[in-house]
Structures are given as structure tokens and as C-alpha cells.
Amino acid sequence: MSRIAATFEALRASGRKALIPYVTAGDPYADGTVDIMLAMAKAGADVIELGVPFSDPMADGPVIQKASERALAKGIGMPQVLQIVRDFRARDAKTPVVLMGYANPIERYGVDRFVADAAAAGVDGVLVVDYPPEECEAFAGKLRAHGLDMIFLLAPTSTEQRIREVGRIASGYVYYVSLKGVTGAGHLDTAAVAEMVPRIKQHVRLPVGVGFGIRDAQTARAVAAVSDAVVIGSALVQLLETRDRQGVAGAAADFIGGIRAALDS
């Protein structure tokens, strides 16, 4: 059983929901990401999504776009991202890590090389925003052969056919984009989420995480009531951007600890 599957099974057995924070690798400090990841895991993060910096992140709003730009300016590319995972895995053997990003850095690195190196580094899953299920079945097969999960996005505009395709190929969990917009948007409609998640579950036999637009404990708790996991990114990235190197891990821990307490209350 994969780390992701084992994590969700344990949460389900205890009646809890998964908390999945997102941070951009190398931001806000090139040498700070591992400390941030360790702090979040200790504070209650169940899975960590680690963003692979990219110059043209089409699904991301200004906060994460700027984080990618800062990380790229520090020389953070795929080799550095995988080293971050190796360093994290040396100190945390339990918390799943999902690389989230775009096709270009993977294809530039080399698909086969990426899959092998990601597995060796201790990556558990991969979410590629611009790989639709119809075009990446072979890639998903390569990931599965190395014990990695292929995670897909679904959106309010996803058709029944697209949901079925994702259900056929995906593993680990699926990530429902809660609104028509980019990361960090502020018009989350929890009633619409509550309607969509059961539609997804008709075709997808995996946990459903919900992200985009979740900024605080209140919205996280509302989303957790109708889903299996809460994904939170822009609010965390924006917070960390304001902290100095010494305080960045503590700030991440405090933020995640607050969300965790709200989900468990």
C-alpha cells in the first residue's frame, strides 16, 4: 500500500479529514523548504504538495506565480526539487509528498528519468496541471510501475466523461478545484462543493480533496464537512513570504496547527 493510500485509510478509520498544504519548492528561502515541510508535518499536515517552480503557471494566481518567480531566481529547478524531497525523506519517512506542477519541467528533465528519480527521492505522487487523462495514460502507467500515484484535477466545468476518465486512471486521491478561477481566488461556494463531490464519487473510488479559495480555518472546516481532504496553498505561501528565515518554519507550523485544530474540532 502506498504512503498516500495508507494515510487516507488511517484518517478514515479515525474519522478525520486530510490536511494537504501546498508550498513552492525554494520559496521564500532556497534552504528553508525542508524545515517548512518538517514543521508542517509535525503540526498536523497529512500530505504535502510541493510545487515545482515554473515560469508560466497557468492555473496559479499572483501569489503562487510570484513564489515560482522567486524560486526560479534562486536557481530552483527539478534537480533541486528532488533534492529537497530526499532531504525531507531522510528525516520523515511517513508523510506523503506530492509534486505539483506543469508538463514542461518534467519533459525538459526527461519523462523516464523524472519518474525514476522521483521514486528514488521518495516522492509519492505527481499532479501535472496540464496533463489531461486522455493524453497521459502511458505516463500514469510509468508512475504506477515505480509505485507513484497519478493525481488529477477536476473542476466545476468537468464533464461526466472527464470524471469517468479520471476515475479510470487516477490513484492516490483527486483534487477538486472548487471554483472557476486560479489559485488564491476568494469566492469559494461551499454549497456548490457539497453538490459536486457526490457527483465525483459516483465515478471515482478515491478520496476527494478540495482546494482553491480556502484561506482560513472557517472555510477549511466547511469544506472538510463535505470532502475527504482540504488543500490550502496561496494563504500559506502569502504568509511565509512575509517571514524571515528564522521564523518561516514556525509560522508554517502555527498556521497548519490552527487549520488542523479546526478540522478536528
C-alpha atoms as a PDB file:
ATOM      1  CA  MET A   1       0.000   0.000   0.000  1.00  0.00           C
ATOM      2  CA  SER A   2       1.315   3.440  -0.925  1.00  0.00           C
ATOM      3  CA  ARG A   3       2.014   6.096   1.696  1.00  0.00           C
ATOM      4  CA  ILE A   4      -0.894   8.145   0.324  1.00  0.00           C
ATOM      5  CA  ALA A   5      -3.360   5.243   0.495  1.00  0.00           C
ATOM      6  CA  ALA A   6      -2.161   4.289   3.975  1.00  0.00           C
ATOM      7  CA  THR A   7      -2.547   7.880   5.163  1.00  0.00           C
ATOM      8  CA  PHE A   8      -6.126   8.184   3.918  1.00  0.00           C
ATOM      9  CA  GLU A   9      -7.032   4.762   5.308  1.00  0.00           C
ATOM     10  CA  ALA A  10      -5.745   5.718   8.758  1.00  0.00           C
ATOM     11  CA  LEU A  11      -7.622   9.037   8.643  1.00  0.00           C
ATOM     12  CA  ARG A  12     -10.833   7.317   7.553  1.00  0.00           C
ATOM     13  CA  ALA A  13     -10.506   4.798  10.389  1.00  0.00           C
ATOM     14  CA  SER A  14     -10.197   7.623  12.917  1.00  0.00           C
ATOM     15  CA  GLY A  15     -12.974   9.737  11.391  1.00  0.00           C
ATOM     16  CA  ARG A  16     -10.644  12.586  10.448  1.00  0.00           C
ATOM     17  CA  LYS A  17     -10.089  14.570   7.260  1.00  0.00           C
ATOM     18  CA  ALA A  18      -6.793  15.079   5.481  1.00  0.00           C
ATOM     19  CA  LEU A  19      -4.999  18.414   5.575  1.00  0.00           C
ATOM     20  CA  ILE A  20      -2.844  18.960   2.487  1.00  0.00           C
ATOM     21  CA  PRO A  21      -0.782  22.157   2.443  1.00  0.00           C
ATOM     22  CA  TYR A  22       0.999  23.395  -0.673  1.00  0.00           C
ATOM     23  CA  VAL A  23       4.321  25.223  -0.689  1.00  0.00           C
ATOM     24  CA  THR A  24       6.544  26.180  -3.605  1.00  0.00           C
ATOM     25  CA  ALA A  25       9.952  24.490  -3.508  1.00  0.00           C
ATOM     26  CA  GLY A  26      12.673  27.023  -2.729  1.00  0.00           C
ATOM     27  CA  ASP A  27      10.350  29.804  -1.610  1.00  0.00           C
ATOM     28  CA  PRO A  28      10.715  32.049   0.264  1.00  0.00           C
ATOM     29  CA  TYR A  29      14.243  30.767   1.037  1.00  0.00           C
ATOM     30  CA  ALA A  30      16.216  28.303  -1.043  1.00  0.00           C
ATOM     31  CA  ASP A  31      17.407  26.462   2.054  1.00  0.00           C
ATOM     32  CA  GLY A  32      14.171  26.710   4.006  1.00  0.00           C
ATOM     33  CA  THR A  33      11.754  24.333   2.307  1.00  0.00           C
ATOM     34  CA  VAL A  34      12.747  21.177   4.163  1.00  0.00           C
ATOM     35  CA  ASP A  35      12.383  22.953   7.502  1.00  0.00           C
ATOM     36  CA  ILE A  36       8.934  24.214   6.454  1.00  0.00           C
ATOM     37  CA  MET A  37       7.852  20.726   5.355  1.00  0.00           C
ATOM     38  CA  LEU A  38       9.043  19.111   8.582  1.00  0.00           C
ATOM     39  CA  ALA A  39       7.310  21.771  10.663  1.00  0.00           C
ATOM     40  CA  MET A  40       4.035  21.323   8.786  1.00  0.00           C
ATOM     41  CA  ALA A  41       4.141  17.537   9.132  1.00  0.00           C
ATOM     42  CA  LYS A  42       4.723  17.848  12.875  1.00  0.00           C
ATOM     43  CA  ALA A  43       1.873  20.379  13.151  1.00  0.00           C
ATOM     44  CA  GLY A  44      -0.659  18.062  11.511  1.00  0.00           C
ATOM     45  CA  ALA A  45      -0.227  18.086   7.730  1.00  0.00           C
ATOM     46  CA  ASP A  46      -1.186  14.670   6.345  1.00  0.00           C
ATOM     47  CA  VAL A  47       0.162  15.068   2.797  1.00  0.00           C
ATOM     48  CA  ILE A  48       2.436  17.822   1.475  1.00  0.00           C
ATOM     49  CA  GLU A  49       2.111  19.188  -2.037  1.00  0.00           C
ATOM     50  CA  LEU A  50       5.453  20.573  -3.167  1.00  0.00           C
ATOM     51  CA  GLY A  51       5.234  22.971  -6.081  1.00  0.00           C
ATOM     52  CA  VAL A  52       7.786  22.646  -8.874  1.00  0.00           C
ATOM     53  CA  PRO A  53       8.646  26.227  -9.916  1.00  0.00           C
ATOM     54  CA  PHE A  54       7.665  27.091 -13.482  1.00  0.00           C
ATOM     55  CA  SER A  55       7.771  30.356 -15.406  1.00  0.00           C
ATOM     56  CA  ASP A  56       4.210  30.130 -16.804  1.00  0.00           C
ATOM     57  CA  PRO A  57       1.954  28.526 -14.167  1.00  0.00           C
ATOM     58  CA  MET A  58      -1.399  28.887 -15.928  1.00  0.00           C
ATOM     59  CA  ALA A  59      -3.606  27.652 -13.065  1.00  0.00           C
ATOM     60  CA  ASP A  60      -1.989  29.778 -10.395  1.00  0.00           C
ATOM     61  CA  GLY A  61      -2.887  33.234  -9.190  1.00  0.00           C
ATOM     62  CA  PRO A  62      -0.473  36.082  -8.423  1.00  0.00           C
ATOM     63  CA  VAL A  63       0.690  34.729  -5.047  1.00  0.00           C
ATOM     64  CA  ILE A  64       1.959  31.397  -6.342  1.00  0.00           C
ATOM     65  CA  GLN A  65       3.161  32.915  -9.611  1.00  0.00           C
ATOM     66  CA  LYS A  66       5.392  35.250  -7.617  1.00  0.00           C
ATOM     67  CA  ALA A  67       6.565  32.355  -5.441  1.00  0.00           C
ATOM     68  CA  SER A  68       7.604  30.475  -8.577  1.00  0.00           C
ATOM     69  CA  GLU A  69       9.421  33.532  -9.881  1.00  0.00           C
ATOM     70  CA  ARG A  70      11.316  33.953  -6.611  1.00  0.00           C
ATOM     71  CA  ALA A  71      12.282  30.271  -6.559  1.00  0.00           C
ATOM     72  CA  LEU A  72      13.420  30.304 -10.195  1.00  0.00           C
ATOM     73  CA  ALA A  73      15.530  33.380  -9.473  1.00  0.00           C
ATOM     74  CA  LYS A  74      17.267  31.352  -6.752  1.00  0.00           C
ATOM     75  CA  GLY A  75      18.077  28.596  -9.248  1.00  0.00           C
ATOM     76  CA  ILE A  76      15.438  26.100  -8.092  1.00  0.00           C
ATOM     77  CA  GLY A  77      14.696  23.580 -10.837  1.00  0.00           C
ATOM     78  CA  MET A  78      13.769  19.918 -10.942  1.00  0.00           C
ATOM     79  CA  PRO A  79      17.138  18.645  -9.592  1.00  0.00           C
ATOM     80  CA  GLN A  80      16.851  20.953  -6.596  1.00  0.00           C
ATOM     81  CA  VAL A  81      13.205  19.975  -6.009  1.00  0.00           C
ATOM     82  CA  LEU A  82      14.125  16.289  -5.930  1.00  0.00           C
ATOM     83  CA  GLN A  83      16.990  17.032  -3.534  1.00  0.00           C
ATOM     84  CA  ILE A  84      14.536  18.793  -1.224  1.00  0.00           C
ATOM     85  CA  VAL A  85      12.409  15.638  -1.211  1.00  0.00           C
ATOM     86  CA  ARG A  86      15.454  13.467  -0.492  1.00  0.00           C
ATOM     87  CA  ASP A  87      16.458  15.692   2.405  1.00  0.00           C
ATOM     88  CA  PHE A  88      12.912  15.690   3.788  1.00  0.00           C
ATOM     89  CA  ARG A  89      12.573  11.935   3.402  1.00  0.00           C
ATOM     90  CA  ALA A  90      15.800  11.376   5.343  1.00  0.00           C
ATOM     91  CA  ARG A  91      14.068  12.933   8.362  1.00  0.00           C
ATOM     92  CA  ASP A  92      10.418  11.979   7.747  1.00  0.00           C
ATOM     93  CA  ALA A  93       9.679   8.516   6.376  1.00  0.00           C
ATOM     94  CA  LYS A  94       5.912   8.721   6.838  1.00  0.00           C
ATOM     95  CA  THR A  95       4.390  11.914   5.391  1.00  0.00           C
ATOM     96  CA  PRO A  96       3.482  11.578   1.693  1.00  0.00           C
ATOM     97  CA  VAL A  97       4.905  14.139  -0.724  1.00  0.00           C
ATOM     98  CA  VAL A  98       3.170  15.039  -3.982  1.00  0.00           C
ATOM     99  CA  LEU A  99       4.963  17.064  -6.642  1.00  0.00           C
ATOM    100  CA  MET A 100       2.570  19.570  -8.206  1.00  0.00           C
ATOM    101  CA  GLY A 101       3.430  21.444 -11.349  1.00  0.00           C
ATOM    102  CA  TYR A 102       3.386  21.524 -15.121  1.00  0.00           C
ATOM    103  CA  ALA A 103       4.440  19.336 -18.012  1.00  0.00           C
ATOM    104  CA  ASN A 104       7.298  21.498 -19.262  1.00  0.00           C
ATOM    105  CA  PRO A 105       9.783  20.934 -16.380  1.00  0.00           C
ATOM    106  CA  ILE A 106       9.090  17.182 -16.441  1.00  0.00           C
ATOM    107  CA  GLU A 107       9.536  16.849 -20.183  1.00  0.00           C
ATOM    108  CA  ARG A 108      12.633  19.019 -20.160  1.00  0.00           C
ATOM    109  CA  TYR A 109      14.112  16.824 -17.409  1.00  0.00           C
ATOM    110  CA  GLY A 110      13.105  13.700 -19.340  1.00  0.00           C
ATOM    111  CA  VAL A 111       9.981  11.716 -18.502  1.00  0.00           C
ATOM    112  CA  ASP A 112      11.623   8.362 -17.797  1.00  0.00           C
ATOM    113  CA  ARG A 113      14.442   9.986 -15.848  1.00  0.00           C
ATOM    114  CA  PHE A 114      11.929  12.028 -13.865  1.00  0.00           C
ATOM    115  CA  VAL A 115       9.833   9.028 -12.882  1.00  0.00           C
ATOM    116  CA  ALA A 116      12.861   7.011 -11.780  1.00  0.00           C
ATOM    117  CA  ASP A 117      14.483   9.892  -9.899  1.00  0.00           C
ATOM    118  CA  ALA A 118      11.226  10.957  -8.232  1.00  0.00           C
ATOM    119  CA  ALA A 119      10.624   7.431  -6.977  1.00  0.00           C
ATOM    120  CA  ALA A 120      14.199   7.156  -5.730  1.00  0.00           C
ATOM    121  CA  ALA A 121      13.925  10.514  -3.942  1.00  0.00           C
ATOM    122  CA  GLY A 122      10.823   9.427  -2.015  1.00  0.00           C
ATOM    123  CA  VAL A 123       8.079  11.189  -3.950  1.00  0.00           C
ATOM    124  CA  ASP A 124       4.669   9.531  -3.509  1.00  0.00           C
ATOM    125  CA  GLY A 125       2.521  11.201  -6.155  1.00  0.00           C
ATOM    126  CA  VAL A 126       2.589  13.586  -9.088  1.00  0.00           C
ATOM    127  CA  LEU A 127      -0.011  16.153 -10.141  1.00  0.00           C
ATOM    128  CA  VAL A 128       0.628  17.716 -13.537  1.00  0.00           C
ATOM    129  CA  VAL A 129      -1.853  20.516 -14.149  1.00  0.00           C
ATOM    130  CA  ASP A 130      -1.652  20.401 -17.948  1.00  0.00           C
ATOM    131  CA  TYR A 131      -1.656  16.606 -18.414  1.00  0.00           C
ATOM    132  CA  PRO A 132      -5.290  15.661 -19.129  1.00  0.00           C
ATOM    133  CA  PRO A 133      -6.157  11.999 -18.542  1.00  0.00           C
ATOM    134  CA  GLU A 134      -6.761  11.364 -22.230  1.00  0.00           C
ATOM    135  CA  GLU A 135      -3.151  12.212 -23.039  1.00  0.00           C
ATOM    136  CA  CYS A 136      -1.143  10.733 -20.184  1.00  0.00           C
ATOM    137  CA  GLU A 137      -2.192   7.139 -19.705  1.00  0.00           C
ATOM    138  CA  ALA A 138       1.327   5.981 -20.582  1.00  0.00           C
ATOM    139  CA  PHE A 139       2.813   8.442 -18.086  1.00  0.00           C
ATOM    140  CA  ALA A 140       0.412   7.250 -15.394  1.00  0.00           C
ATOM    141  CA  GLY A 141       1.466   3.673 -16.156  1.00  0.00           C
ATOM    142  CA  LYS A 142       5.132   4.568 -15.725  1.00  0.00           C
ATOM    143  CA  LEU A 143       4.366   6.204 -12.397  1.00  0.00           C
ATOM    144  CA  ARG A 144       2.419   3.156 -11.194  1.00  0.00           C
ATOM    145  CA  ALA A 145       5.284   0.872 -12.202  1.00  0.00           C
ATOM    146  CA  HIS A 146       7.512   2.874  -9.825  1.00  0.00           C
ATOM    147  CA  GLY A 147       4.951   2.956  -7.010  1.00  0.00           C
ATOM    148  CA  LEU A 148       3.875   6.564  -7.603  1.00  0.00           C
ATOM    149  CA  ASP A 149       0.303   7.863  -7.704  1.00  0.00           C
ATOM    150  CA  MET A 150      -1.057   9.979 -10.568  1.00  0.00           C
ATOM    151  CA  ILE A 151      -3.297  12.694  -9.166  1.00  0.00           C
ATOM    152  CA  PHE A 152      -5.661  14.702 -11.344  1.00  0.00           C
ATOM    153  CA  LEU A 153      -7.540  17.958 -11.083  1.00  0.00           C
ATOM    154  CA  LEU A 154     -11.290  18.120 -11.574  1.00  0.00           C
ATOM    155  CA  ALA A 155     -13.225  21.365 -11.852  1.00  0.00           C
ATOM    156  CA  PRO A 156     -16.809  22.700 -11.724  1.00  0.00           C
ATOM    157  CA  THR A 157     -16.772  22.504 -15.532  1.00  0.00           C
ATOM    158  CA  SER A 158     -15.634  18.844 -15.695  1.00  0.00           C
ATOM    159  CA  THR A 159     -17.998  16.677 -17.739  1.00  0.00           C
ATOM    160  CA  GLU A 160     -19.220  13.246 -16.677  1.00  0.00           C
ATOM    161  CA  GLN A 161     -16.951  11.732 -19.325  1.00  0.00           C
ATOM    162  CA  ARG A 162     -13.901  13.570 -17.959  1.00  0.00           C
ATOM    163  CA  ILE A 163     -14.721  12.495 -14.410  1.00  0.00           C
ATOM    164  CA  ARG A 164     -15.010   8.866 -15.565  1.00  0.00           C
ATOM    165  CA  GLU A 165     -11.654   9.101 -17.363  1.00  0.00           C
ATOM    166  CA  VAL A 166     -10.007  10.485 -14.244  1.00  0.00           C
ATOM    167  CA  GLY A 167     -11.604   7.738 -12.177  1.00  0.00           C
ATOM    168  CA  ARG A 168     -10.176   5.116 -14.510  1.00  0.00           C
ATOM    169  CA  ILE A 169      -6.584   6.376 -14.450  1.00  0.00           C
ATOM    170  CA  ALA A 170      -6.094   8.266 -11.173  1.00  0.00           C
ATOM    171  CA  SER A 171      -4.700   6.873  -7.946  1.00  0.00           C
ATOM    172  CA  GLY A 172      -3.993   8.310  -4.515  1.00  0.00           C
ATOM    173  CA  TYR A 173      -6.667  10.993  -4.457  1.00  0.00           C
ATOM    174  CA  VAL A 174      -8.263  13.511  -6.807  1.00  0.00           C
ATOM    175  CA  TYR A 175      -8.079  17.261  -6.367  1.00  0.00           C
ATOM    176  CA  TYR A 176     -11.312  19.144  -6.970  1.00  0.00           C
ATOM    177  CA  VAL A 177     -10.772  22.763  -7.954  1.00  0.00           C
ATOM    178  CA  SER A 178     -13.600  24.399  -6.044  1.00  0.00           C
ATOM    179  CA  LEU A 179     -14.134  27.384  -8.315  1.00  0.00           C
ATOM    180  CA  LYS A 180     -13.739  28.715 -11.840  1.00  0.00           C
ATOM    181  CA  GLY A 181     -10.537  30.670 -11.425  1.00  0.00           C
ATOM    182  CA  VAL A 182      -6.950  30.484 -10.310  1.00  0.00           C
ATOM    183  CA  THR A 183      -5.335  29.585  -7.011  1.00  0.00           C
ATOM    184  CA  GLY A 184      -5.957  32.091  -4.256  1.00  0.00           C
ATOM    185  CA  ALA A 185      -9.294  33.339  -5.578  1.00  0.00           C
ATOM    186  CA  GLY A 186     -11.667  34.391  -2.847  1.00  0.00           C
ATOM    187  CA  HIS A 187     -15.169  33.370  -3.897  1.00  0.00           C
ATOM    188  CA  LEU A 188     -15.476  29.823  -2.563  1.00  0.00           C
ATOM    189  CA  ASP A 189     -19.036  28.434  -2.711  1.00  0.00           C
ATOM    190  CA  THR A 190     -19.215  25.591  -0.211  1.00  0.00           C
ATOM    191  CA  ALA A 191     -22.770  24.703  -1.252  1.00  0.00           C
ATOM    192  CA  ALA A 192     -21.571  24.113  -4.809  1.00  0.00           C
ATOM    193  CA  VAL A 193     -18.719  21.974  -3.475  1.00  0.00           C
ATOM    194  CA  ALA A 194     -21.227  19.929  -1.472  1.00  0.00           C
ATOM    195  CA  GLU A 195     -23.174  19.258  -4.669  1.00  0.00           C
ATOM    196  CA  MET A 196     -20.157  18.365  -6.803  1.00  0.00           C
ATOM    197  CA  VAL A 197     -18.275  15.970  -4.517  1.00  0.00           C
ATOM    198  CA  PRO A 198     -21.005  13.273  -4.625  1.00  0.00           C
ATOM    199  CA  ARG A 199     -21.050  13.550  -8.436  1.00  0.00           C
ATOM    200  CA  ILE A 200     -17.318  12.889  -8.494  1.00  0.00           C
ATOM    201  CA  LYS A 201     -17.655   9.949  -6.115  1.00  0.00           C
ATOM    202  CA  GLN A 202     -20.102   8.263  -8.483  1.00  0.00           C
ATOM    203  CA  HIS A 203     -17.162   7.655 -10.833  1.00  0.00           C
ATOM    204  CA  VAL A 204     -14.028   7.997  -8.700  1.00  0.00           C
ATOM    205  CA  ARG A 205     -13.288   5.444  -5.978  1.00  0.00           C
ATOM    206  CA  LEU A 206     -10.647   7.609  -4.350  1.00  0.00           C
ATOM    207  CA  PRO A 207     -10.604  10.294  -1.665  1.00  0.00           C
ATOM    208  CA  VAL A 208     -11.613  13.726  -2.960  1.00  0.00           C
ATOM    209  CA  GLY A 209      -9.589  16.714  -1.805  1.00  0.00           C
ATOM    210  CA  VAL A 210     -10.830  20.253  -2.357  1.00  0.00           C
ATOM    211  CA  GLY A 211      -8.646  23.297  -2.938  1.00  0.00           C
ATOM    212  CA  PHE A 212      -8.514  26.814  -4.450  1.00  0.00           C
ATOM    213  CA  GLY A 213     -10.030  29.603  -2.373  1.00  0.00           C
ATOM    214  CA  ILE A 214      -9.529  28.047   1.074  1.00  0.00           C
ATOM    215  CA  ARG A 215      -7.843  30.690   3.171  1.00  0.00           C
ATOM    216  CA  ASP A 216      -8.654  30.125   6.844  1.00  0.00           C
ATOM    217  CA  ALA A 217      -9.876  27.685   9.475  1.00  0.00           C
ATOM    218  CA  GLN A 218     -13.544  28.519   8.930  1.00  0.00           C
ATOM    219  CA  THR A 219     -13.583  27.753   5.211  1.00  0.00           C
ATOM    220  CA  ALA A 220     -11.350  24.717   5.741  1.00  0.00           C
ATOM    221  CA  ARG A 221     -13.809  23.272   8.255  1.00  0.00           C
ATOM    222  CA  ALA A 222     -16.767  23.925   5.946  1.00  0.00           C
ATOM    223  CA  VAL A 223     -15.041  22.192   3.025  1.00  0.00           C
ATOM    224  CA  ALA A 224     -13.895  19.271   5.186  1.00  0.00           C
ATOM    225  CA  ALA A 225     -17.515  18.624   6.124  1.00  0.00           C
ATOM    226  CA  VAL A 226     -18.290  17.637   2.522  1.00  0.00           C
ATOM    227  CA  SER A 227     -14.953  16.205   1.303  1.00  0.00           C
ATOM    228  CA  ASP A 228     -12.130  13.890   2.321  1.00  0.00           C
ATOM    229  CA  ALA A 229      -9.321  16.446   2.310  1.00  0.00           C
ATOM    230  CA  VAL A 230      -8.645  20.163   2.348  1.00  0.00           C
ATOM    231  CA  VAL A 231      -5.867  21.602   0.184  1.00  0.00           C
ATOM    232  CA  ILE A 232      -4.542  25.024   1.163  1.00  0.00           C
ATOM    233  CA  GLY A 233      -1.832  26.872  -0.719  1.00  0.00           C
ATOM    234  CA  SER A 234      -1.990  30.575  -1.513  1.00  0.00           C
ATOM    235  CA  ALA A 235      -2.818  31.715   2.007  1.00  0.00           C
ATOM    236  CA  LEU A 236       0.151  29.754   3.340  1.00  0.00           C
ATOM    237  CA  VAL A 237       2.545  30.906   0.617  1.00  0.00           C
ATOM    238  CA  GLN A 238       1.476  34.513   1.216  1.00  0.00           C
ATOM    239  CA  LEU A 239       2.095  34.160   4.947  1.00  0.00           C
ATOM    240  CA  LEU A 240       5.552  32.624   4.534  1.00  0.00           C
ATOM    241  CA  GLU A 241       6.573  35.371   2.111  1.00  0.00           C
ATOM    242  CA  THR A 242       6.424  37.870   4.998  1.00  0.00           C
ATOM    243  CA  ARG A 243       8.620  35.909   7.426  1.00  0.00           C
ATOM    244  CA  ASP A 244      12.372  35.999   7.908  1.00  0.00           C
ATOM    245  CA  ARG A 245      14.465  32.853   7.546  1.00  0.00           C
ATOM    246  CA  GLN A 246      14.482  32.130  11.267  1.00  0.00           C
ATOM    247  CA  GLY A 247      10.721  32.452  11.642  1.00  0.00           C
ATOM    248  CA  VAL A 248       9.451  30.796   8.491  1.00  0.00           C
ATOM    249  CA  ALA A 249       9.124  27.213   9.789  1.00  0.00           C
ATOM    250  CA  GLY A 250       7.457  28.349  12.993  1.00  0.00           C
ATOM    251  CA  ALA A 251       4.962  30.427  11.037  1.00  0.00           C
ATOM    252  CA  ALA A 252       4.113  27.416   8.871  1.00  0.00           C
ATOM    253  CA  ALA A 253       3.645  25.242  11.957  1.00  0.00           C
ATOM    254  CA  ASP A 254       1.373  27.784  13.656  1.00  0.00           C
ATOM    255  CA  PHE A 255      -0.775  28.191  10.543  1.00  0.00           C
ATOM    256  CA  ILE A 256      -1.121  24.457   9.892  1.00  0.00           C
ATOM    257  CA  GLY A 257      -1.711  23.741  13.563  1.00  0.00           C
ATOM    258  CA  GLY A 258      -4.633  26.194  13.563  1.00  0.00           C
ATOM    259  CA  ILE A 259      -6.209  24.592  10.496  1.00  0.00           C
ATOM    260  CA  ARG A 260      -5.655  21.092  11.934  1.00  0.00           C
ATOM    261  CA  ALA A 261      -7.387  22.060  15.180  1.00  0.00           C
ATOM    262  CA  ALA A 262     -10.345  23.433  13.235  1.00  0.00           C
ATOM    263  CA  LEU A 263     -10.677  20.260  11.149  1.00  0.00           C
ATOM    264  CA  ASP A 264     -10.561  18.067  14.255  1.00  0.00           C
ATOM    265  CA  SER A 265     -12.963  20.160  16.306  1.00  0.00           C
END
